[in-house]
């Protein structure tokens, strides 16, 4: 299971582009919609659910401090990807390495880390 945390700028583009790779690889995805602009991500999730078997795509909304942290700390989520600087996204969602460390992929200004 993988989590994708989407930023508020270009939420439709980032939602769609972050969902495709894990689905093609056969993984379930939880997409966290940005709290400032959740509707495009929610709609992307609805469209993905129509095209995929039930349970492969889930969309959640809320703040990074609560929802993001819950995703990052969930034991069944093995890979997390988000776009933005480590501050404030990494700090508020708790994406820094935790015990039982997961793969965390962060993109910033066109660079992937």
Protein backbone atom coordinates (compact mmCIF):
# COMPACT_ATOMS: atom_id res chain seq x y z
CA UNK A 1 0.00 0.00 0.00
CA UNK A 2 1.29 3.45 -0.88
CA UNK A 3 0.34 6.98 0.17
CA UNK A 4 0.47 10.08 -1.98
CA UNK A 5 0.28 13.54 -0.39
CA UNK A 6 -0.73 16.15 -2.97
CA UNK A 7 0.01 19.90 -2.72
CA UNK A 8 -2.56 22.65 -3.22
CA UNK A 9 -1.03 24.04 -6.42
CA UNK A 10 -2.15 22.07 -9.48
CA UNK A 11 -4.06 19.46 -7.44
CA UNK A 12 -5.69 17.83 -10.48
CA UNK A 13 -2.41 17.31 -12.33
CA UNK A 14 -0.51 16.07 -9.28
CA UNK A 15 -3.36 13.77 -8.19
CA UNK A 16 -3.53 12.06 -11.55
CA UNK A 17 0.22 11.84 -12.03
CA UNK A 18 0.82 10.44 -8.53
CA UNK A 19 -1.91 7.79 -8.82
CA UNK A 20 -0.80 6.18 -12.08
CA UNK A 21 2.61 4.62 -11.23
CA UNK A 22 1.59 2.64 -8.13
CA UNK A 23 -1.64 1.45 -9.80
CA UNK A 24 0.28 0.22 -12.83
CA UNK A 25 2.62 -1.65 -10.47
CA UNK A 26 -0.39 -3.29 -8.78
CA UNK A 27 -0.36 -1.38 -5.49
CA UNK A 28 -3.28 0.12 -3.60
CA UNK A 29 -3.04 3.89 -3.17
CA UNK A 30 -4.29 6.32 -0.56
CA UNK A 31 -4.35 9.86 -1.91
CA UNK A 32 -4.35 12.69 0.61
CA UNK A 33 -6.13 15.68 -0.89
CA UNK A 34 -4.76 19.13 -0.05
CA UNK A 35 -6.82 20.85 2.63
CA UNK A 36 -6.77 24.15 0.69
CA UNK A 37 -8.18 22.63 -2.54
CA UNK A 38 -9.61 19.12 -1.98
CA UNK A 39 -12.22 18.96 -4.77
CA UNK A 40 -9.95 18.14 -7.76
CA UNK A 41 -8.26 15.33 -5.84
CA UNK A 42 -11.62 13.99 -4.65
CA UNK A 43 -12.94 14.00 -8.22
CA UNK A 44 -9.79 12.28 -9.48
CA UNK A 45 -10.35 9.62 -6.83
CA UNK A 46 -13.95 9.14 -7.93
CA UNK A 47 -12.89 8.67 -11.55
CA UNK A 48 -10.12 6.25 -10.54
CA UNK A 49 -12.57 4.22 -8.45
CA UNK A 50 -14.86 3.85 -11.44
CA UNK A 51 -11.99 2.49 -13.54
CA UNK A 52 -10.35 0.27 -10.89
CA UNK A 53 -11.56 -2.63 -8.75
CA UNK A 54 -12.97 -1.59 -5.35
CA UNK A 55 -10.42 -0.74 -2.67
CA UNK A 56 -7.47 0.09 -4.91
CA UNK A 57 -7.87 3.87 -4.67
CA UNK A 58 -8.90 5.76 -1.55
CA UNK A 59 -8.94 9.53 -1.06
CA UNK A 60 -8.74 11.21 2.32
CA UNK A 61 -8.76 14.88 3.20
CA UNK A 62 -7.65 16.87 6.20
CA UNK A 63 -4.66 18.77 7.44
CA UNK A 64 -1.10 17.53 7.08
CA UNK A 65 -0.62 17.63 10.83
CA UNK A 66 -3.39 15.08 11.43
CA UNK A 67 -4.22 13.18 8.25
CA UNK A 68 -0.71 13.32 6.80
CA UNK A 69 0.84 12.14 10.04
CA UNK A 70 -1.67 9.27 10.31
CA UNK A 71 -0.75 8.11 6.80
CA UNK A 72 2.96 8.34 7.43
CA UNK A 73 2.78 6.44 10.71
CA UNK A 74 0.40 3.71 9.52
CA UNK A 75 2.23 0.35 9.58
CA UNK A 76 0.74 -1.00 6.33
CA UNK A 77 1.86 1.93 4.19
CA UNK A 78 5.25 1.04 2.74
CA UNK A 79 5.93 3.99 0.45
CA UNK A 80 5.06 7.66 0.74
CA UNK A 81 5.45 10.34 -1.93
CA UNK A 82 4.80 14.03 -1.58
CA UNK A 83 5.69 17.22 -3.40
CA UNK A 84 7.17 20.17 -1.60
CA UNK A 85 9.97 21.11 0.74
CA UNK A 86 10.62 19.07 3.85
CA UNK A 87 9.52 22.14 5.78
CA UNK A 88 6.65 22.53 6.43
CA UNK A 89 5.32 19.37 4.74
CA UNK A 90 7.86 16.98 6.23
CA UNK A 91 7.61 18.48 9.67
CA UNK A 92 3.81 18.76 9.86
CA UNK A 93 3.05 15.34 8.41
CA UNK A 94 5.86 13.56 10.22
CA UNK A 95 7.54 12.31 7.03
CA UNK A 96 10.95 12.25 8.63
CA UNK A 97 12.31 8.77 9.11
CA UNK A 98 10.47 6.84 11.77
CA UNK A 99 11.20 3.51 13.44
CA UNK A 100 10.40 0.73 10.96
CA UNK A 101 11.38 3.24 8.31
CA UNK A 102 9.50 3.39 5.01
CA UNK A 103 10.56 4.64 1.63
CA UNK A 104 9.80 8.35 1.47
CA UNK A 105 10.07 10.07 -1.88
CA UNK A 106 9.91 13.84 -1.96
CA UNK A 107 9.86 16.05 -5.06
CA UNK A 108 10.76 19.71 -4.92
CA UNK A 109 11.15 22.18 -7.77
CA UNK A 110 11.47 19.42 -10.33
CA UNK A 111 14.07 17.54 -8.30
CA UNK A 112 13.38 14.19 -6.69
CA UNK A 113 15.00 13.19 -3.41
